[in-house]
Amino acid sequence: MLVPGRHAHRGDIMPWVYLMGAILLEVMGTTNLKVCEGFTRPVPSMLVAIGYAGAFYLLSRCVRDLDIAVAYAVWSGVGTALIALVGRWTFGETLNGPKIACIVLILTGTMGLHMLSLSKR
């Protein structure tokens, strides 16, 4: 079990579970932001609020034990990649070579931050 304020070690999975949950809730909120039509549709509007509130709650739980730079980079980077895929599959938005290359760069930077945080321990 992790103690608040102590950094996670390789075997500690719960901060990563919280982070993955935060990412999925943020993607849910952002997807519904597209369809709530300026918060005029009640159900998608509620899903936006629930998604973002849940995402920030879970993000706050994971940063107790993970470096905040790593947690935020993973949260925003993976979230960005997933939203690009949701936009493509759900809304027919374009996902061309340059966009994919930029997403790969974001994910590469995210992995780099994580690797650097592991090396300082």
PDB file of N, CA and C in Angstrom:
ATOM      1  N   MET A   1       0.843  -1.183   0.000  1.00  0.00           N
ATOM      2  CA  MET A   1       0.000   0.000   0.000  1.00  0.00           C
ATOM      3  C   MET A   1       0.885   1.241   0.000  1.00  0.00           C
ATOM      4  N   LEU A   2       0.495   2.243  -0.745  1.00  0.00           N
ATOM      5  CA  LEU A   2       1.287   3.458  -0.835  1.00  0.00           C
ATOM      6  C   LEU A   2       0.947   4.410   0.301  1.00  0.00           C
ATOM      7  N   VAL A   3       1.945   5.108   0.760  1.00  0.00           N
ATOM      8  CA  VAL A   3       1.765   6.147   1.766  1.00  0.00           C
ATOM      9  C   VAL A   3       1.711   7.473   1.038  1.00  0.00           C
ATOM     10  N   PRO A   4       0.714   8.346   1.337  1.00  0.00           N
ATOM     11  CA  PRO A   4       0.652   9.642   0.654  1.00  0.00           C
ATOM     12  C   PRO A   4       1.977  10.390   0.759  1.00  0.00           C
ATOM     13  N   GLY A   5       2.404  10.947  -0.349  1.00  0.00           N
ATOM     14  CA  GLY A   5       3.653  11.683  -0.388  1.00  0.00           C
ATOM     15  C   GLY A   5       4.861  10.835  -0.758  1.00  0.00           C
ATOM     16  N   ARG A   6       4.726   9.521  -0.705  1.00  0.00           N
ATOM     17  CA  ARG A   6       5.815   8.634  -1.090  1.00  0.00           C
ATOM     18  C   ARG A   6       5.701   8.342  -2.572  1.00  0.00           C
ATOM     19  N   HIS A   7       6.790   8.331  -3.259  1.00  0.00           N
ATOM     20  CA  HIS A   7       6.749   8.047  -4.691  1.00  0.00           C
ATOM     21  C   HIS A   7       6.501   6.569  -4.944  1.00  0.00           C
ATOM     22  N   ALA A   8       5.794   6.297  -6.019  1.00  0.00           N
ATOM     23  CA  ALA A   8       5.478   4.916  -6.387  1.00  0.00           C
ATOM     24  C   ALA A   8       6.740   4.181  -6.820  1.00  0.00           C
ATOM     25  N   HIS A   9       6.753   2.906  -6.588  1.00  0.00           N
ATOM     26  CA  HIS A   9       7.822   2.049  -7.069  1.00  0.00           C
ATOM     27  C   HIS A   9       7.272   1.216  -8.213  1.00  0.00           C
ATOM     28  N   ARG A  10       8.116   0.495  -8.885  1.00  0.00           N
ATOM     29  CA  ARG A  10       7.706  -0.251 -10.073  1.00  0.00           C
ATOM     30  C   ARG A  10       6.520  -1.163  -9.851  1.00  0.00           C
ATOM     31  N   GLY A  11       6.398  -1.786  -8.684  1.00  0.00           N
ATOM     32  CA  GLY A  11       5.315  -2.733  -8.436  1.00  0.00           C
ATOM     33  C   GLY A  11       4.002  -2.086  -8.034  1.00  0.00           C
ATOM     34  N   ASP A  12       3.999  -0.782  -7.751  1.00  0.00           N
ATOM     35  CA  ASP A  12       2.787  -0.102  -7.303  1.00  0.00           C
ATOM     36  C   ASP A  12       1.917   0.243  -8.510  1.00  0.00           C
ATOM     37  N   ILE A  13       0.779  -0.411  -8.594  1.00  0.00           N
ATOM     38  CA  ILE A  13      -0.063  -0.256  -9.778  1.00  0.00           C
ATOM     39  C   ILE A  13      -1.204   0.741  -9.589  1.00  0.00           C
ATOM     40  N   MET A  14      -1.658   0.951  -8.359  1.00  0.00           N
ATOM     41  CA  MET A  14      -2.849   1.784  -8.152  1.00  0.00           C
ATOM     42  C   MET A  14      -2.735   3.199  -8.710  1.00  0.00           C
ATOM     43  N   PRO A  15      -1.606   3.899  -8.562  1.00  0.00           N
ATOM     44  CA  PRO A  15      -1.541   5.236  -9.170  1.00  0.00           C
ATOM     45  C   PRO A  15      -1.766   5.197 -10.680  1.00  0.00           C
ATOM     46  N   TRP A  16      -1.290   4.128 -11.314  1.00  0.00           N
ATOM     47  CA  TRP A  16      -1.469   3.990 -12.765  1.00  0.00           C
ATOM     48  C   TRP A  16      -2.911   3.635 -13.105  1.00  0.00           C
ATOM     49  N   VAL A  17      -3.560   2.873 -12.259  1.00  0.00           N
ATOM     50  CA  VAL A  17      -4.984   2.573 -12.454  1.00  0.00           C
ATOM     51  C   VAL A  17      -5.785   3.869 -12.354  1.00  0.00           C
ATOM     52  N   TYR A  18      -5.478   4.677 -11.334  1.00  0.00           N
ATOM     53  CA  TYR A  18      -6.147   5.980 -11.201  1.00  0.00           C
ATOM     54  C   TYR A  18      -5.905   6.844 -12.432  1.00  0.00           C
ATOM     55  N   LEU A  19      -4.672   6.836 -12.916  1.00  0.00           N
ATOM     56  CA  LEU A  19      -4.336   7.654 -14.077  1.00  0.00           C
ATOM     57  C   LEU A  19      -5.079   7.188 -15.325  1.00  0.00           C
ATOM     58  N   MET A  20      -5.145   5.886 -15.548  1.00  0.00           N
ATOM     59  CA  MET A  20      -5.875   5.381 -16.715  1.00  0.00           C
ATOM     60  C   MET A  20      -7.367   5.714 -16.607  1.00  0.00           C
ATOM     61  N   GLY A  21      -7.922   5.600 -15.409  1.00  0.00           N
ATOM     62  CA  GLY A  21      -9.320   5.995 -15.202  1.00  0.00           C
ATOM     63  C   GLY A  21      -9.524   7.471 -15.484  1.00  0.00           C
ATOM     64  N   ALA A  22      -8.569   8.303 -15.039  1.00  0.00           N
ATOM     65  CA  ALA A  22      -8.652   9.746 -15.287  1.00  0.00           C
ATOM     66  C   ALA A  22      -8.632  10.040 -16.781  1.00  0.00           C
ATOM     67  N   ILE A  23      -7.797   9.322 -17.504  1.00  0.00           N
ATOM     68  CA  ILE A  23      -7.712   9.516 -18.956  1.00  0.00           C
ATOM     69  C   ILE A  23      -9.034   9.139 -19.620  1.00  0.00           C
ATOM     70  N   LEU A  24      -9.579   7.996 -19.258  1.00  0.00           N
ATOM     71  CA  LEU A  24     -10.839   7.554 -19.878  1.00  0.00           C
ATOM     72  C   LEU A  24     -11.986   8.510 -19.557  1.00  0.00           C
ATOM     73  N   LEU A  25     -12.043   9.008 -18.323  1.00  0.00           N
ATOM     74  CA  LEU A  25     -13.100   9.961 -17.971  1.00  0.00           C
ATOM     75  C   LEU A  25     -12.927  11.290 -18.699  1.00  0.00           C
ATOM     76  N   GLU A  26     -11.680  11.719 -18.866  1.00  0.00           N
ATOM     77  CA  GLU A  26     -11.428  12.959 -19.604  1.00  0.00           C
ATOM     78  C   GLU A  26     -11.822  12.802 -21.067  1.00  0.00           C
ATOM     79  N   VAL A  27     -11.537  11.651 -21.646  1.00  0.00           N
ATOM     80  CA  VAL A  27     -11.932  11.390 -23.034  1.00  0.00           C
ATOM     81  C   VAL A  27     -13.461  11.381 -23.147  1.00  0.00           C
ATOM     82  N   MET A  28     -14.134  10.778 -22.163  1.00  0.00           N
ATOM     83  CA  MET A  28     -15.603  10.795 -22.156  1.00  0.00           C
ATOM     84  C   MET A  28     -16.125  12.236 -22.095  1.00  0.00           C
ATOM     85  N   GLY A  29     -15.547  13.035 -21.199  1.00  0.00           N
ATOM     86  CA  GLY A  29     -15.981  14.421 -21.071  1.00  0.00           C
ATOM     87  C   GLY A  29     -15.745  15.218 -22.339  1.00  0.00           C
ATOM     88  N   THR A  30     -14.569  15.054 -22.922  1.00  0.00           N
ATOM     89  CA  THR A  30     -14.234  15.801 -24.135  1.00  0.00           C
ATOM     90  C   THR A  30     -15.092  15.356 -25.314  1.00  0.00           C
ATOM     91  N   THR A  31     -15.346  14.074 -25.435  1.00  0.00           N
ATOM     92  CA  THR A  31     -16.213  13.578 -26.511  1.00  0.00           C
ATOM     93  C   THR A  31     -17.608  14.178 -26.387  1.00  0.00           C
ATOM     94  N   ASN A  32     -18.129  14.224 -25.182  1.00  0.00           N
ATOM     95  CA  ASN A  32     -19.465  14.792 -24.977  1.00  0.00           C
ATOM     96  C   ASN A  32     -19.481  16.308 -25.101  1.00  0.00           C
ATOM     97  N   LEU A  33     -18.332  16.942 -24.923  1.00  0.00           N
ATOM     98  CA  LEU A  33     -18.232  18.383 -25.154  1.00  0.00           C
ATOM     99  C   LEU A  33     -18.548  18.707 -26.609  1.00  0.00           C
ATOM    100  N   LYS A  34     -18.156  17.789 -27.480  1.00  0.00           N
ATOM    101  CA  LYS A  34     -18.423  17.957 -28.912  1.00  0.00           C
ATOM    102  C   LYS A  34     -19.916  17.868 -29.226  1.00  0.00           C
ATOM    103  N   VAL A  35     -20.658  17.033 -28.488  1.00  0.00           N
ATOM    104  CA  VAL A  35     -22.060  16.793 -28.831  1.00  0.00           C
ATOM    105  C   VAL A  35     -23.060  17.497 -27.913  1.00  0.00           C
ATOM    106  N   CYS A  36     -22.576  18.209 -26.892  1.00  0.00           N
ATOM    107  CA  CYS A  36     -23.530  18.852 -25.969  1.00  0.00           C
ATOM    108  C   CYS A  36     -24.110  20.146 -26.526  1.00  0.00           C
ATOM    109  N   GLU A  37     -23.594  20.589 -27.680  1.00  0.00           N
ATOM    110  CA  GLU A  37     -24.108  21.773 -28.383  1.00  0.00           C
ATOM    111  C   GLU A  37     -24.199  22.985 -27.462  1.00  0.00           C
ATOM    112  N   GLY A  38     -23.034  23.359 -26.932  1.00  0.00           N
ATOM    113  CA  GLY A  38     -22.983  24.546 -26.078  1.00  0.00           C
ATOM    114  C   GLY A  38     -23.728  24.373 -24.768  1.00  0.00           C
ATOM    115  N   PHE A  39     -23.748  23.181 -24.245  1.00  0.00           N
ATOM    116  CA  PHE A  39     -24.439  22.826 -23.000  1.00  0.00           C
ATOM    117  C   PHE A  39     -25.952  23.017 -23.096  1.00  0.00           C
ATOM    118  N   THR A  40     -26.493  22.834 -24.308  1.00  0.00           N
ATOM    119  CA  THR A  40     -27.953  22.924 -24.485  1.00  0.00           C
ATOM    120  C   THR A  40     -28.607  21.552 -24.459  1.00  0.00           C
ATOM    121  N   ARG A  41     -27.824  20.492 -24.529  1.00  0.00           N
ATOM    122  CA  ARG A  41     -28.356  19.126 -24.451  1.00  0.00           C
ATOM    123  C   ARG A  41     -28.018  18.560 -23.074  1.00  0.00           C
ATOM    124  N   PRO A  42     -29.040  18.253 -22.269  1.00  0.00           N
ATOM    125  CA  PRO A  42     -28.802  17.890 -20.865  1.00  0.00           C
ATOM    126  C   PRO A  42     -27.927  16.656 -20.640  1.00  0.00           C
ATOM    127  N   VAL A  43     -28.186  15.562 -21.326  1.00  0.00           N
ATOM    128  CA  VAL A  43     -27.432  14.332 -21.042  1.00  0.00           C
ATOM    129  C   VAL A  43     -25.957  14.491 -21.413  1.00  0.00           C
ATOM    130  N   PRO A  44     -25.621  14.923 -22.635  1.00  0.00           N
ATOM    131  CA  PRO A  44     -24.194  15.115 -22.920  1.00  0.00           C
ATOM    132  C   PRO A  44     -23.549  16.165 -22.005  1.00  0.00           C
ATOM    133  N   SER A  45     -24.304  17.182 -21.617  1.00  0.00           N
ATOM    134  CA  SER A  45     -23.770  18.204 -20.714  1.00  0.00           C
ATOM    135  C   SER A  45     -23.432  17.613 -19.358  1.00  0.00           C
ATOM    136  N   MET A  46     -24.299  16.741 -18.848  1.00  0.00           N
ATOM    137  CA  MET A  46     -24.025  16.076 -17.576  1.00  0.00           C
ATOM    138  C   MET A  46     -22.812  15.155 -17.703  1.00  0.00           C
ATOM    139  N   LEU A  47     -22.679  14.488 -18.848  1.00  0.00           N
ATOM    140  CA  LEU A  47     -21.530  13.599 -19.056  1.00  0.00           C
ATOM    141  C   LEU A  47     -20.217  14.379 -19.132  1.00  0.00           C
ATOM    142  N   VAL A  48     -20.272  15.605 -19.656  1.00  0.00           N
ATOM    143  CA  VAL A  48     -19.082  16.468 -19.650  1.00  0.00           C
ATOM    144  C   VAL A  48     -18.669  16.753 -18.212  1.00  0.00           C
ATOM    145  N   ALA A  49     -19.637  17.194 -17.404  1.00  0.00           N
ATOM    146  CA  ALA A  49     -19.341  17.542 -16.010  1.00  0.00           C
ATOM    147  C   ALA A  49     -18.848  16.326 -15.223  1.00  0.00           C
ATOM    148  N   ILE A  50     -19.520  15.202 -15.383  1.00  0.00           N
ATOM    149  CA  ILE A  50     -19.126  13.977 -14.673  1.00  0.00           C
ATOM    150  C   ILE A  50     -17.741  13.522 -15.135  1.00  0.00           C
ATOM    151  N   GLY A  51     -17.508  13.570 -16.443  1.00  0.00           N
ATOM    152  CA  GLY A  51     -16.217  13.138 -16.982  1.00  0.00           C
ATOM    153  C   GLY A  51     -15.066  13.972 -16.454  1.00  0.00           C
ATOM    154  N   TYR A  52     -15.202  15.295 -16.512  1.00  0.00           N
ATOM    155  CA  TYR A  52     -14.117  16.147 -16.051  1.00  0.00           C
ATOM    156  C   TYR A  52     -13.948  16.102 -14.538  1.00  0.00           C
ATOM    157  N   ALA A  53     -15.050  16.101 -13.791  1.00  0.00           N
ATOM    158  CA  ALA A  53     -14.944  16.019 -12.324  1.00  0.00           C
ATOM    159  C   ALA A  53     -14.275  14.707 -11.912  1.00  0.00           C
ATOM    160  N   GLY A  54     -14.700  13.617 -12.505  1.00  0.00           N
ATOM    161  CA  GLY A  54     -14.093  12.318 -12.191  1.00  0.00           C
ATOM    162  C   GLY A  54     -12.643  12.252 -12.609  1.00  0.00           C
ATOM    163  N   ALA A  55     -12.334  12.834 -13.765  1.00  0.00           N
ATOM    164  CA  ALA A  55     -10.952  12.821 -14.254  1.00  0.00           C
ATOM    165  C   ALA A  55     -10.038  13.579 -13.294  1.00  0.00           C
ATOM    166  N   PHE A  56     -10.470  14.752 -12.862  1.00  0.00           N
ATOM    167  CA  PHE A  56      -9.625  15.529 -11.956  1.00  0.00           C
ATOM    168  C   PHE A  56      -9.510  14.875 -10.585  1.00  0.00           C
ATOM    169  N   TYR A  57     -10.568  14.229 -10.134  1.00  0.00           N
ATOM    170  CA  TYR A  57     -10.487  13.510  -8.865  1.00  0.00           C
ATOM    171  C   TYR A  57      -9.448  12.390  -8.958  1.00  0.00           C
ATOM    172  N   LEU A  58      -9.544  11.572 -10.007  1.00  0.00           N
ATOM    173  CA  LEU A  58      -8.605  10.461 -10.153  1.00  0.00           C
ATOM    174  C   LEU A  58      -7.184  10.965 -10.412  1.00  0.00           C
ATOM    175  N   LEU A  59      -7.064  12.061 -11.142  1.00  0.00           N
ATOM    176  CA  LEU A  59      -5.744  12.640 -11.370  1.00  0.00           C
ATOM    177  C   LEU A  59      -5.140  13.095 -10.037  1.00  0.00           C
ATOM    178  N   SER A  60      -5.967  13.669  -9.174  1.00  0.00           N
ATOM    179  CA  SER A  60      -5.464  14.096  -7.862  1.00  0.00           C
ATOM    180  C   SER A  60      -5.035  12.908  -7.021  1.00  0.00           C
ATOM    181  N   ARG A  61      -5.684  11.779  -7.196  1.00  0.00           N
ATOM    182  CA  ARG A  61      -5.291  10.569  -6.464  1.00  0.00           C
ATOM    183  C   ARG A  61      -3.952  10.027  -6.962  1.00  0.00           C
ATOM    184  N   CYS A  62      -3.748  10.038  -8.263  1.00  0.00           N
ATOM    185  CA  CYS A  62      -2.509   9.448  -8.781  1.00  0.00           C
ATOM    186  C   CYS A  62      -1.292  10.333  -8.495  1.00  0.00           C
ATOM    187  N   VAL A  63      -1.468  11.659  -8.432  1.00  0.00           N
ATOM    188  CA  VAL A  63      -0.295  12.515  -8.195  1.00  0.00           C
ATOM    189  C   VAL A  63       0.170  12.488  -6.747  1.00  0.00           C
ATOM    190  N   ARG A  64      -0.555  11.795  -5.891  1.00  0.00           N
ATOM    191  CA  ARG A  64      -0.051  11.571  -4.537  1.00  0.00           C
ATOM    192  C   ARG A  64       1.230  10.735  -4.596  1.00  0.00           C
ATOM    193  N   ASP A  65       1.313   9.859  -5.590  1.00  0.00           N
ATOM    194  CA  ASP A  65       2.400   8.885  -5.634  1.00  0.00           C
ATOM    195  C   ASP A  65       3.242   8.937  -6.902  1.00  0.00           C
ATOM    196  N   LEU A  66       2.773   9.608  -7.920  1.00  0.00           N
ATOM    197  CA  LEU A  66       3.554   9.746  -9.149  1.00  0.00           C
ATOM    198  C   LEU A  66       4.029  11.186  -9.270  1.00  0.00           C
ATOM    199  N   ASP A  67       5.144  11.379  -9.944  1.00  0.00           N
ATOM    200  CA  ASP A  67       5.589  12.743 -10.228  1.00  0.00           C
ATOM    201  C   ASP A  67       4.494  13.452 -11.015  1.00  0.00           C
ATOM    202  N   ILE A  68       4.189  14.680 -10.628  1.00  0.00           N
ATOM    203  CA  ILE A  68       3.100  15.408 -11.280  1.00  0.00           C
ATOM    204  C   ILE A  68       3.407  15.653 -12.762  1.00  0.00           C
ATOM    205  N   ALA A  69       4.668  15.893 -13.096  1.00  0.00           N
ATOM    206  CA  ALA A  69       5.030  16.120 -14.502  1.00  0.00           C
ATOM    207  C   ALA A  69       4.742  14.873 -15.335  1.00  0.00           C
ATOM    208  N   VAL A  70       5.057  13.722 -14.787  1.00  0.00           N
ATOM    209  CA  VAL A  70       4.823  12.467 -15.507  1.00  0.00           C
ATOM    210  C   VAL A  70       3.322  12.207 -15.609  1.00  0.00           C
ATOM    211  N   ALA A  71       2.611  12.333 -14.500  1.00  0.00           N
ATOM    212  CA  ALA A  71       1.174  12.066 -14.500  1.00  0.00           C
ATOM    213  C   ALA A  71       0.455  12.986 -15.476  1.00  0.00           C
ATOM    214  N   TYR A  72       0.780  14.272 -15.453  1.00  0.00           N
ATOM    215  CA  TYR A  72       0.101  15.210 -16.338  1.00  0.00           C
ATOM    216  C   TYR A  72       0.478  14.961 -17.794  1.00  0.00           C
ATOM    217  N   ALA A  73       1.732  14.651 -18.040  1.00  0.00           N
ATOM    218  CA  ALA A  73       2.150  14.375 -19.420  1.00  0.00           C
ATOM    219  C   ALA A  73       1.444  13.141 -19.970  1.00  0.00           C
ATOM    220  N   VAL A  74       1.360  12.093 -19.174  1.00  0.00           N
ATOM    221  CA  VAL A  74       0.668  10.878 -19.623  1.00  0.00           C
ATOM    222  C   VAL A  74      -0.806  11.182 -19.816  1.00  0.00           C
ATOM    223  N   TRP A  75      -1.415  11.861 -18.850  1.00  0.00           N
ATOM    224  CA  TRP A  75      -2.841  12.206 -18.912  1.00  0.00           C
ATOM    225  C   TRP A  75      -3.155  13.010 -20.179  1.00  0.00           C
ATOM    226  N   SER A  76      -2.393  14.056 -20.405  1.00  0.00           N
ATOM    227  CA  SER A  76      -2.684  14.901 -21.566  1.00  0.00           C
ATOM    228  C   SER A  76      -2.255  14.251 -22.881  1.00  0.00           C
ATOM    229  N   GLY A  77      -1.118  13.567 -22.885  1.00  0.00           N
ATOM    230  CA  GLY A  77      -0.626  12.945 -24.117  1.00  0.00           C
ATOM    231  C   GLY A  77      -1.488  11.791 -24.587  1.00  0.00           C
ATOM    232  N   VAL A  78      -1.768  10.860 -23.691  1.00  0.00           N
ATOM    233  CA  VAL A  78      -2.612   9.722 -24.060  1.00  0.00           C
ATOM    234  C   VAL A  78      -4.037  10.201 -24.343  1.00  0.00           C
ATOM    235  N   GLY A  79      -4.506  11.159 -23.542  1.00  0.00           N
ATOM    236  CA  GLY A  79      -5.839  11.724 -23.795  1.00  0.00           C
ATOM    237  C   GLY A  79      -5.932  12.363 -25.171  1.00  0.00           C
ATOM    238  N   THR A  80      -4.896  13.100 -25.551  1.00  0.00           N
ATOM    239  CA  THR A  80      -4.868  13.729 -26.872  1.00  0.00           C
ATOM    240  C   THR A  80      -4.912  12.672 -27.979  1.00  0.00           C
ATOM    241  N   ALA A  81      -4.123  11.627 -27.834  1.00  0.00           N
ATOM    242  CA  ALA A  81      -4.104  10.562 -28.843  1.00  0.00           C
ATOM    243  C   ALA A  81      -5.470   9.877 -28.933  1.00  0.00           C
ATOM    244  N   LEU A  82      -6.059   9.569 -27.793  1.00  0.00           N
ATOM    245  CA  LEU A  82      -7.374   8.910 -27.802  1.00  0.00           C
ATOM    246  C   LEU A  82      -8.450   9.809 -28.394  1.00  0.00           C
ATOM    247  N   ILE A  83      -8.414  11.090 -28.055  1.00  0.00           N
ATOM    248  CA  ILE A  83      -9.415  12.016 -28.606  1.00  0.00           C
ATOM    249  C   ILE A  83      -9.258  12.136 -30.119  1.00  0.00           C
ATOM    250  N   ALA A  84      -8.027  12.103 -30.607  1.00  0.00           N
ATOM    251  CA  ALA A  84      -7.829  12.143 -32.060  1.00  0.00           C
ATOM    252  C   ALA A  84      -8.472  10.921 -32.715  1.00  0.00           C
ATOM    253  N   LEU A  85      -8.337   9.758 -32.072  1.00  0.00           N
ATOM    254  CA  LEU A  85      -8.961   8.543 -32.609  1.00  0.00           C
ATOM    255  C   LEU A  85     -10.486   8.606 -32.507  1.00  0.00           C
ATOM    256  N   VAL A  86     -10.990   9.086 -31.391  1.00  0.00           N
ATOM    257  CA  VAL A  86     -12.449   9.238 -31.235  1.00  0.00           C
ATOM    258  C   VAL A  86     -12.980  10.220 -32.273  1.00  0.00           C
ATOM    259  N   GLY A  87     -12.272  11.310 -32.482  1.00  0.00           N
ATOM    260  CA  GLY A  87     -12.691  12.284 -33.494  1.00  0.00           C
ATOM    261  C   GLY A  87     -12.750  11.674 -34.877  1.00  0.00           C
ATOM    262  N   ARG A  88     -11.779  10.847 -35.179  1.00  0.00           N
ATOM    263  CA  ARG A  88     -11.746  10.182 -36.486  1.00  0.00           C
ATOM    264  C   ARG A  88     -12.883   9.191 -36.638  1.00  0.00           C
ATOM    265  N   TRP A  89     -13.022   8.288 -35.626  1.00  0.00           N
ATOM    266  CA  TRP A  89     -14.006   7.209 -35.735  1.00  0.00           C
ATOM    267  C   TRP A  89     -15.434   7.667 -35.501  1.00  0.00           C
ATOM    268  N   THR A  90     -15.637   8.607 -34.601  1.00  0.00           N
ATOM    269  CA  THR A  90     -16.993   9.000 -34.228  1.00  0.00           C
ATOM    270  C   THR A  90     -17.507  10.181 -35.036  1.00  0.00           C
ATOM    271  N   PHE A  91     -16.628  11.131 -35.314  1.00  0.00           N
ATOM    272  CA  PHE A  91     -17.079  12.369 -35.963  1.00  0.00           C
ATOM    273  C   PHE A  91     -16.541  12.544 -37.378  1.00  0.00           C
ATOM    274  N   GLY A  92     -15.774  11.573 -37.872  1.00  0.00           N
ATOM    275  CA  GLY A  92     -15.262  11.644 -39.237  1.00  0.00           C
ATOM    276  C   GLY A  92     -14.214  12.727 -39.446  1.00  0.00           C
ATOM    277  N   GLU A  93     -13.536  13.140 -38.374  1.00  0.00           N
ATOM    278  CA  GLU A  93     -12.509  14.160 -38.500  1.00  0.00           C
ATOM    279  C   GLU A  93     -11.271  13.554 -39.165  1.00  0.00           C
ATOM    280  N   THR A  94     -10.479  14.399 -39.801  1.00  0.00           N
ATOM    281  CA  THR A  94      -9.305  13.892 -40.509  1.00  0.00           C
ATOM    282  C   THR A  94      -8.196  13.511 -39.528  1.00  0.00           C
ATOM    283  N   LEU A  95      -7.488  12.487 -39.873  1.00  0.00           N
ATOM    284  CA  LEU A  95      -6.319  12.043 -39.114  1.00  0.00           C
ATOM    285  C   LEU A  95      -5.271  11.647 -40.148  1.00  0.00           C
ATOM    286  N   ASN A  96      -4.552  12.653 -40.613  1.00  0.00           N
ATOM    287  CA  ASN A  96      -3.581  12.438 -41.690  1.00  0.00           C
ATOM    288  C   ASN A  96      -2.174  12.212 -41.141  1.00  0.00           C
ATOM    289  N   GLY A  97      -1.236  12.028 -42.012  1.00  0.00           N
ATOM    290  CA  GLY A  97       0.146  11.751 -41.635  1.00  0.00           C
ATOM    291  C   GLY A  97       0.760  12.779 -40.698  1.00  0.00           C
ATOM    292  N   PRO A  98       0.682  14.067 -41.023  1.00  0.00           N
ATOM    293  CA  PRO A  98       1.264  15.062 -40.115  1.00  0.00           C
ATOM    294  C   PRO A  98       0.624  15.055 -38.716  1.00  0.00           C
ATOM    295  N   LYS A  99      -0.672  14.855 -38.635  1.00  0.00           N
ATOM    296  CA  LYS A  99      -1.336  14.785 -37.324  1.00  0.00           C
ATOM    297  C   LYS A  99      -0.857  13.562 -36.544  1.00  0.00           C
ATOM    298  N   ILE A 100      -0.750  12.441 -37.230  1.00  0.00           N
ATOM    299  CA  ILE A 100      -0.264  11.223 -36.579  1.00  0.00           C
ATOM    300  C   ILE A 100       1.176  11.426 -36.097  1.00  0.00           C
ATOM    301  N   ALA A 101       2.007  12.073 -36.923  1.00  0.00           N
ATOM    302  CA  ALA A 101       3.399  12.326 -36.538  1.00  0.00           C
ATOM    303  C   ALA A 101       3.451  13.209 -35.282  1.00  0.00           C
ATOM    304  N   CYS A 102       2.598  14.197 -35.203  1.00  0.00           N
ATOM    305  CA  CYS A 102       2.568  15.070 -34.022  1.00  0.00           C
ATOM    306  C   CYS A 102       2.123  14.301 -32.779  1.00  0.00           C
ATOM    307  N   ILE A 103       1.152  13.431 -32.928  1.00  0.00           N
ATOM    308  CA  ILE A 103       0.701  12.616 -31.794  1.00  0.00           C
ATOM    309  C   ILE A 103       1.828  11.689 -31.336  1.00  0.00           C
ATOM    310  N   VAL A 104       2.564  11.118 -32.289  1.00  0.00           N
ATOM    311  CA  VAL A 104       3.702  10.260 -31.939  1.00  0.00           C
ATOM    312  C   VAL A 104       4.748  11.066 -31.174  1.00  0.00           C
ATOM    313  N   LEU A 105       4.984  12.304 -31.581  1.00  0.00           N
ATOM    314  CA  LEU A 105       5.940  13.153 -30.865  1.00  0.00           C
ATOM    315  C   LEU A 105       5.474  13.430 -29.437  1.00  0.00           C
ATOM    316  N   ILE A 106       4.172  13.693 -29.268  1.00  0.00           N
ATOM    317  CA  ILE A 106       3.622  13.918 -27.926  1.00  0.00           C
ATOM    318  C   ILE A 106       3.832  12.677 -27.059  1.00  0.00           C
ATOM    319  N   LEU A 107       3.488  11.514 -27.598  1.00  0.00           N
ATOM    320  CA  LEU A 107       3.638  10.277 -26.834  1.00  0.00           C
ATOM    321  C   LEU A 107       5.101   9.950 -26.551  1.00  0.00           C
ATOM    322  N   THR A 108       5.984  10.266 -27.487  1.00  0.00           N
ATOM    323  CA  THR A 108       7.415  10.049 -27.284  1.00  0.00           C
ATOM    324  C   THR A 108       7.931  10.937 -26.148  1.00  0.00           C
ATOM    325  N   GLY A 109       7.520  12.182 -26.137  1.00  0.00           N
ATOM    326  CA  GLY A 109       7.905  13.085 -25.048  1.00  0.00           C
ATOM    327  C   GLY A 109       7.369  12.618 -23.705  1.00  0.00           C
ATOM    328  N   THR A 110       6.158  12.102 -23.707  1.00  0.00           N
ATOM    329  CA  THR A 110       5.559  11.567 -22.482  1.00  0.00           C
ATOM    330  C   THR A 110       6.377  10.397 -21.957  1.00  0.00           C
ATOM    331  N   MET A 111       6.734   9.488 -22.835  1.00  0.00           N
ATOM    332  CA  MET A 111       7.547   8.342 -22.419  1.00  0.00           C
ATOM    333  C   MET A 111       8.913   8.799 -21.923  1.00  0.00           C
ATOM    334  N   GLY A 112       9.474   9.813 -22.565  1.00  0.00           N
ATOM    335  CA  GLY A 112      10.765  10.345 -22.136  1.00  0.00           C
ATOM    336  C   GLY A 112      10.708  10.907 -20.723  1.00  0.00           C
ATOM    337  N   LEU A 113       9.660  11.657 -20.428  1.00  0.00           N
ATOM    338  CA  LEU A 113       9.499  12.185 -19.065  1.00  0.00           C
ATOM    339  C   LEU A 113       9.408  11.056 -18.048  1.00  0.00           C
ATOM    340  N   HIS A 114       8.655  10.031 -18.388  1.00  0.00           N
ATOM    341  CA  HIS A 114       8.515   8.896 -17.466  1.00  0.00           C
ATOM    342  C   HIS A 114       9.858   8.209 -17.245  1.00  0.00           C
ATOM    343  N   MET A 115      10.603   7.979 -18.296  1.00  0.00           N
ATOM    344  CA  MET A 115      11.899   7.319 -18.169  1.00  0.00           C
ATOM    345  C   MET A 115      12.857   8.163 -17.325  1.00  0.00           C
ATOM    346  N   LEU A 116      12.835   9.477 -17.525  1.00  0.00           N
ATOM    347  CA  LEU A 116      13.698  10.349 -16.736  1.00  0.00           C
ATOM    348  C   LEU A 116      13.315  10.353 -15.273  1.00  0.00           C
ATOM    349  N   SER A 117      12.018  10.260 -14.984  1.00  0.00           N
ATOM    350  CA  SER A 117      11.595  10.229 -13.579  1.00  0.00           C
ATOM    351  C   SER A 117      12.019   8.924 -12.914  1.00  0.00           C
ATOM    352  N   LEU A 118      12.067   7.838 -13.661  1.00  0.00           N
ATOM    353  CA  LEU A 118      12.512   6.560 -13.101  1.00  0.00           C
ATOM    354  C   LEU A 118      14.016   6.586 -12.816  1.00  0.00           C
ATOM    355  N   SER A 119      14.773   7.288 -13.662  1.00  0.00           N
ATOM    356  CA  SER A 119      16.232   7.285 -13.501  1.00  0.00           C
ATOM    357  C   SER A 119      16.691   8.105 -12.311  1.00  0.00           C
ATOM    358  N   LYS A 120      15.864   9.017 -11.806  1.00  0.00           N
ATOM    359  CA  LYS A 120      16.286   9.858 -10.678  1.00  0.00           C
ATOM    360  C   LYS A 120      16.114   9.152  -9.341  1.00  0.00           C
ATOM    361  N   ARG A 121      15.477   7.999  -9.324  1.00  0.00           N
ATOM    362  CA  ARG A 121      15.219   7.285  -8.057  1.00  0.00           C
ATOM    363  C   ARG A 121      16.400   6.509  -7.615  1.00  0.00           C
TER     364      ARG A 121
END
